[in-house]
């Protein structure tokens, strides 16, 4: 991937999208995103696009701002708890890159 200003944000958006899709498909049994998961995906994209850190963005778990509303934060945590470990199986390179960035802080 190139080193554009929004490259980091785009990577995070793609990672979150894959996690939400994985959750909706395998946990909820939907072939396409249900309205609740679509809402969560749209919300997470909007939050990431407004991130003040942009190219220097850390993983959201390590962020000092925590910009998600409490209800959305609970929902995304539920998704991440389910999809996070499975990302190593379904999307190993993306999962390893995410873990590396979290490890580096």
N, C-alpha and C. Protein backbone atom coordinates (compact mmCIF):
# COMPACT_ATOMS: atom_id res chain seq x y z
N UNK A 1 0.83 -1.19 0.00
CA UNK A 1 0.00 0.00 0.00
C UNK A 1 0.87 1.24 0.00
N UNK A 2 0.36 2.31 -0.59
CA UNK A 2 1.09 3.56 -0.65
C UNK A 2 1.15 4.24 0.70
N UNK A 3 1.90 5.34 0.74
CA UNK A 3 2.06 6.05 2.02
C UNK A 3 1.28 7.36 2.03
N UNK A 4 0.07 7.33 1.47
CA UNK A 4 -0.77 8.51 1.47
C UNK A 4 -1.19 8.91 2.87
N UNK A 5 -1.65 10.15 3.02
CA UNK A 5 -2.02 10.68 4.33
C UNK A 5 -3.09 9.83 5.02
N UNK A 6 -4.06 9.37 4.27
CA UNK A 6 -5.16 8.63 4.87
C UNK A 6 -4.98 7.12 4.79
N UNK A 7 -3.82 6.66 4.37
CA UNK A 7 -3.57 5.24 4.23
C UNK A 7 -3.84 4.49 5.53
N UNK A 8 -3.37 5.01 6.63
CA UNK A 8 -3.54 4.36 7.94
C UNK A 8 -5.02 4.26 8.30
N UNK A 9 -5.75 5.32 8.07
CA UNK A 9 -7.18 5.35 8.36
C UNK A 9 -7.91 4.35 7.47
N UNK A 10 -7.56 4.30 6.20
CA UNK A 10 -8.18 3.37 5.27
C UNK A 10 -7.92 1.92 5.69
N UNK A 11 -6.72 1.64 6.15
CA UNK A 11 -6.41 0.30 6.64
C UNK A 11 -7.26 -0.06 7.85
N UNK A 12 -7.40 0.88 8.77
CA UNK A 12 -8.22 0.63 9.96
C UNK A 12 -9.68 0.42 9.57
N UNK A 13 -10.17 1.24 8.62
CA UNK A 13 -11.55 1.09 8.17
C UNK A 13 -11.76 -0.29 7.55
N UNK A 14 -10.80 -0.74 6.76
CA UNK A 14 -10.92 -2.06 6.12
C UNK A 14 -10.89 -3.17 7.18
N UNK A 15 -10.03 -3.04 8.17
CA UNK A 15 -9.95 -4.05 9.23
C UNK A 15 -11.26 -4.13 9.99
N UNK A 16 -11.81 -3.00 10.37
CA UNK A 16 -13.09 -2.98 11.11
C UNK A 16 -14.20 -3.56 10.24
N UNK A 17 -14.20 -3.21 8.97
CA UNK A 17 -15.23 -3.75 8.07
C UNK A 17 -15.15 -5.27 8.01
N UNK A 18 -13.96 -5.81 7.86
CA UNK A 18 -13.80 -7.26 7.81
C UNK A 18 -14.27 -7.92 9.10
N UNK A 19 -13.98 -7.29 10.22
CA UNK A 19 -14.40 -7.85 11.51
C UNK A 19 -15.92 -7.84 11.65
N UNK A 20 -16.54 -6.74 11.26
CA UNK A 20 -18.00 -6.64 11.34
C UNK A 20 -18.66 -7.65 10.41
N UNK A 21 -18.14 -7.77 9.20
CA UNK A 21 -18.69 -8.73 8.24
C UNK A 21 -18.53 -10.17 8.75
N UNK A 22 -17.39 -10.47 9.33
CA UNK A 22 -17.14 -11.81 9.87
C UNK A 22 -18.14 -12.10 10.99
N UNK A 23 -18.34 -11.14 11.88
CA UNK A 23 -19.29 -11.29 12.98
C UNK A 23 -20.70 -11.51 12.46
N UNK A 24 -21.13 -10.66 11.55
CA UNK A 24 -22.50 -10.72 11.04
C UNK A 24 -22.74 -12.03 10.30
N UNK A 25 -21.75 -12.47 9.56
CA UNK A 25 -21.90 -13.70 8.78
C UNK A 25 -21.91 -14.95 9.66
N UNK A 26 -20.92 -15.09 10.53
CA UNK A 26 -20.75 -16.34 11.25
C UNK A 26 -21.39 -16.37 12.64
N UNK A 27 -21.49 -15.25 13.30
CA UNK A 27 -22.12 -15.22 14.62
C UNK A 27 -23.64 -15.07 14.50
N UNK A 28 -24.05 -14.16 13.60
CA UNK A 28 -25.48 -13.90 13.44
C UNK A 28 -26.11 -14.72 12.31
N UNK A 29 -25.29 -15.30 11.44
CA UNK A 29 -25.81 -16.15 10.37
C UNK A 29 -26.39 -15.41 9.18
N UNK A 30 -25.98 -14.17 8.96
CA UNK A 30 -26.51 -13.38 7.84
C UNK A 30 -25.58 -13.49 6.63
N UNK A 31 -26.15 -13.58 5.44
CA UNK A 31 -25.34 -13.61 4.23
C UNK A 31 -24.84 -12.21 3.87
N UNK A 32 -25.61 -11.21 4.16
CA UNK A 32 -25.20 -9.82 3.95
C UNK A 32 -25.34 -9.10 5.28
N UNK A 33 -24.78 -7.91 5.35
CA UNK A 33 -24.84 -7.15 6.61
C UNK A 33 -26.28 -6.84 7.00
N UNK A 34 -26.62 -7.13 8.23
CA UNK A 34 -27.93 -6.77 8.76
C UNK A 34 -27.94 -5.26 9.03
N UNK A 35 -29.09 -4.67 9.23
CA UNK A 35 -29.16 -3.21 9.46
C UNK A 35 -28.32 -2.76 10.67
N UNK A 36 -28.29 -3.54 11.74
CA UNK A 36 -27.52 -3.15 12.92
C UNK A 36 -26.02 -3.15 12.63
N UNK A 37 -25.56 -4.17 11.91
CA UNK A 37 -24.13 -4.23 11.56
C UNK A 37 -23.77 -3.16 10.54
N UNK A 38 -24.68 -2.87 9.62
CA UNK A 38 -24.45 -1.78 8.64
C UNK A 38 -24.32 -0.45 9.38
N UNK A 39 -25.19 -0.24 10.37
CA UNK A 39 -25.13 0.99 11.16
C UNK A 39 -23.77 1.08 11.89
N UNK A 40 -23.34 -0.03 12.46
CA UNK A 40 -22.06 -0.04 13.18
C UNK A 40 -20.89 0.23 12.21
N UNK A 41 -20.95 -0.35 11.02
CA UNK A 41 -19.90 -0.12 10.03
C UNK A 41 -19.86 1.34 9.60
N UNK A 42 -21.02 1.91 9.31
CA UNK A 42 -21.08 3.32 8.91
C UNK A 42 -20.58 4.23 10.03
N UNK A 43 -20.97 3.92 11.25
CA UNK A 43 -20.54 4.71 12.41
C UNK A 43 -19.01 4.64 12.58
N UNK A 44 -18.46 3.44 12.49
CA UNK A 44 -17.01 3.29 12.68
C UNK A 44 -16.24 3.99 11.57
N UNK A 45 -16.74 3.92 10.34
CA UNK A 45 -16.08 4.65 9.24
C UNK A 45 -16.09 6.15 9.49
N UNK A 46 -17.22 6.65 9.95
CA UNK A 46 -17.33 8.09 10.22
C UNK A 46 -16.37 8.51 11.33
N UNK A 47 -16.29 7.72 12.39
CA UNK A 47 -15.39 8.06 13.51
C UNK A 47 -13.94 8.02 13.04
N UNK A 48 -13.58 7.01 12.28
CA UNK A 48 -12.20 6.90 11.80
C UNK A 48 -11.85 8.04 10.85
N UNK A 49 -12.78 8.42 10.01
CA UNK A 49 -12.49 9.50 9.05
C UNK A 49 -12.28 10.84 9.75
N UNK A 50 -12.81 10.97 10.96
CA UNK A 50 -12.65 12.21 11.73
C UNK A 50 -11.55 12.12 12.79
N UNK A 51 -10.80 11.05 12.77
CA UNK A 51 -9.75 10.84 13.78
C UNK A 51 -8.71 11.96 13.68
N UNK A 52 -8.42 12.63 14.79
CA UNK A 52 -7.45 13.72 14.75
C UNK A 52 -6.00 13.25 14.53
N UNK A 53 -5.74 11.98 14.69
CA UNK A 53 -4.36 11.47 14.56
C UNK A 53 -4.00 11.09 13.13
N UNK A 54 -4.99 10.81 12.29
CA UNK A 54 -4.83 10.44 10.89
C UNK A 54 -3.68 9.47 10.65
N UNK A 55 -2.62 9.87 9.96
CA UNK A 55 -1.56 8.92 9.59
C UNK A 55 -0.79 8.39 10.80
N UNK A 56 -0.84 9.07 11.93
CA UNK A 56 -0.14 8.62 13.14
C UNK A 56 -1.07 7.85 14.08
N UNK A 57 -2.21 7.42 13.55
CA UNK A 57 -3.22 6.75 14.36
C UNK A 57 -2.70 5.45 14.95
N UNK A 58 -3.00 5.26 16.20
CA UNK A 58 -2.74 4.00 16.89
C UNK A 58 -4.00 3.16 16.81
N UNK A 59 -3.96 1.94 17.32
CA UNK A 59 -5.19 1.16 17.36
C UNK A 59 -6.16 1.84 18.33
N UNK A 60 -7.42 1.69 18.09
CA UNK A 60 -8.43 2.38 18.91
C UNK A 60 -8.33 2.00 20.39
N UNK A 61 -7.98 0.76 20.66
CA UNK A 61 -7.87 0.31 22.05
C UNK A 61 -6.81 1.11 22.81
N UNK A 62 -5.76 1.53 22.13
CA UNK A 62 -4.68 2.27 22.77
C UNK A 62 -4.86 3.79 22.68
N UNK A 63 -5.92 4.22 22.05
CA UNK A 63 -6.13 5.66 21.84
C UNK A 63 -6.47 6.38 23.15
N UNK A 64 -6.06 7.62 23.24
CA UNK A 64 -6.32 8.42 24.44
C UNK A 64 -7.67 9.15 24.37
N UNK A 65 -8.29 9.19 23.20
CA UNK A 65 -9.52 9.96 23.02
C UNK A 65 -10.78 9.13 23.25
N UNK A 66 -10.87 7.93 22.71
CA UNK A 66 -12.05 7.07 22.80
C UNK A 66 -13.31 7.82 22.35
N UNK A 67 -13.43 7.96 21.04
CA UNK A 67 -14.48 8.81 20.46
C UNK A 67 -15.81 8.10 20.22
N UNK A 68 -15.92 6.82 20.50
CA UNK A 68 -17.18 6.11 20.28
C UNK A 68 -18.17 6.42 21.39
N UNK A 69 -19.45 6.52 21.00
CA UNK A 69 -20.52 6.62 21.99
C UNK A 69 -20.53 5.34 22.82
N UNK A 70 -20.95 5.40 24.07
CA UNK A 70 -20.93 4.19 24.91
C UNK A 70 -21.68 3.00 24.31
N UNK A 71 -22.85 3.23 23.70
CA UNK A 71 -23.60 2.10 23.12
C UNK A 71 -22.85 1.48 21.95
N UNK A 72 -22.24 2.29 21.12
CA UNK A 72 -21.48 1.77 19.98
C UNK A 72 -20.18 1.11 20.46
N UNK A 73 -19.62 1.64 21.50
CA UNK A 73 -18.41 1.04 22.06
C UNK A 73 -18.69 -0.38 22.55
N UNK A 74 -19.82 -0.57 23.22
CA UNK A 74 -20.21 -1.91 23.67
C UNK A 74 -20.42 -2.85 22.50
N UNK A 75 -21.08 -2.34 21.47
CA UNK A 75 -21.36 -3.18 20.30
C UNK A 75 -20.08 -3.58 19.56
N UNK A 76 -19.18 -2.63 19.37
CA UNK A 76 -17.95 -2.94 18.64
C UNK A 76 -17.05 -3.86 19.45
N UNK A 77 -17.06 -3.72 20.75
CA UNK A 77 -16.29 -4.64 21.60
C UNK A 77 -16.80 -6.07 21.44
N UNK A 78 -18.11 -6.21 21.40
CA UNK A 78 -18.72 -7.53 21.23
C UNK A 78 -18.27 -8.14 19.89
N UNK A 79 -18.28 -7.33 18.85
CA UNK A 79 -17.83 -7.78 17.54
C UNK A 79 -16.36 -8.18 17.59
N UNK A 80 -15.54 -7.34 18.21
CA UNK A 80 -14.10 -7.60 18.24
C UNK A 80 -13.75 -8.83 19.07
N UNK A 81 -14.49 -9.05 20.13
CA UNK A 81 -14.24 -10.25 20.93
C UNK A 81 -14.50 -11.52 20.13
N UNK A 82 -15.52 -11.46 19.30
CA UNK A 82 -15.83 -12.62 18.46
C UNK A 82 -14.88 -12.72 17.27
N UNK A 83 -14.75 -11.61 16.53
CA UNK A 83 -14.03 -11.64 15.25
C UNK A 83 -12.51 -11.58 15.42
N UNK A 84 -12.03 -10.96 16.46
CA UNK A 84 -10.58 -10.79 16.63
C UNK A 84 -9.79 -12.08 16.51
N UNK A 85 -10.08 -13.08 17.31
CA UNK A 85 -9.33 -14.34 17.20
C UNK A 85 -9.52 -15.03 15.85
N UNK A 86 -10.68 -14.88 15.24
CA UNK A 86 -10.96 -15.53 13.96
C UNK A 86 -10.30 -14.82 12.79
N UNK A 87 -9.91 -13.57 12.99
CA UNK A 87 -9.22 -12.83 11.93
C UNK A 87 -7.91 -13.53 11.56
N UNK A 88 -7.25 -14.16 12.52
CA UNK A 88 -6.01 -14.87 12.21
C UNK A 88 -6.25 -15.99 11.21
N UNK A 89 -7.42 -16.58 11.23
CA UNK A 89 -7.76 -17.65 10.31
C UNK A 89 -8.26 -17.12 8.97
N UNK A 90 -9.16 -16.13 9.00
CA UNK A 90 -9.79 -15.64 7.79
C UNK A 90 -8.96 -14.57 7.06
N UNK A 91 -8.27 -13.73 7.80
CA UNK A 91 -7.48 -12.63 7.23
C UNK A 91 -6.16 -12.51 7.99
N UNK A 92 -5.28 -13.49 7.86
CA UNK A 92 -4.08 -13.54 8.70
C UNK A 92 -3.14 -12.34 8.56
N UNK A 93 -2.91 -11.85 7.36
CA UNK A 93 -1.98 -10.72 7.20
C UNK A 93 -2.52 -9.45 7.84
N UNK A 94 -3.79 -9.21 7.67
CA UNK A 94 -4.41 -8.02 8.27
C UNK A 94 -4.38 -8.14 9.79
N UNK A 95 -4.69 -9.32 10.29
CA UNK A 95 -4.69 -9.54 11.74
C UNK A 95 -3.29 -9.35 12.33
N UNK A 96 -2.29 -9.91 11.67
CA UNK A 96 -0.92 -9.79 12.17
C UNK A 96 -0.43 -8.34 12.12
N UNK A 97 -0.78 -7.63 11.07
CA UNK A 97 -0.40 -6.21 10.98
C UNK A 97 -1.04 -5.42 12.12
N UNK A 98 -2.30 -5.70 12.39
CA UNK A 98 -3.01 -5.01 13.48
C UNK A 98 -2.37 -5.33 14.83
N UNK A 99 -2.05 -6.60 15.06
CA UNK A 99 -1.41 -6.99 16.31
C UNK A 99 -0.02 -6.36 16.46
N UNK A 100 0.70 -6.28 15.37
CA UNK A 100 2.03 -5.66 15.40
C UNK A 100 1.93 -4.19 15.78
N UNK A 101 0.97 -3.49 15.18
CA UNK A 101 0.80 -2.06 15.50
C UNK A 101 0.39 -1.86 16.95
N UNK A 102 -0.42 -2.77 17.45
CA UNK A 102 -0.83 -2.66 18.85
C UNK A 102 0.34 -2.95 19.77
N UNK A 103 1.15 -3.91 19.41
CA UNK A 103 2.35 -4.27 20.20
C UNK A 103 3.35 -3.11 20.24
N UNK A 104 3.54 -2.47 19.08
CA UNK A 104 4.48 -1.34 19.00
C UNK A 104 3.99 -0.13 19.78
N UNK A 105 2.66 -0.06 19.94
CA UNK A 105 2.10 1.07 20.67
C UNK A 105 2.08 2.24 19.84
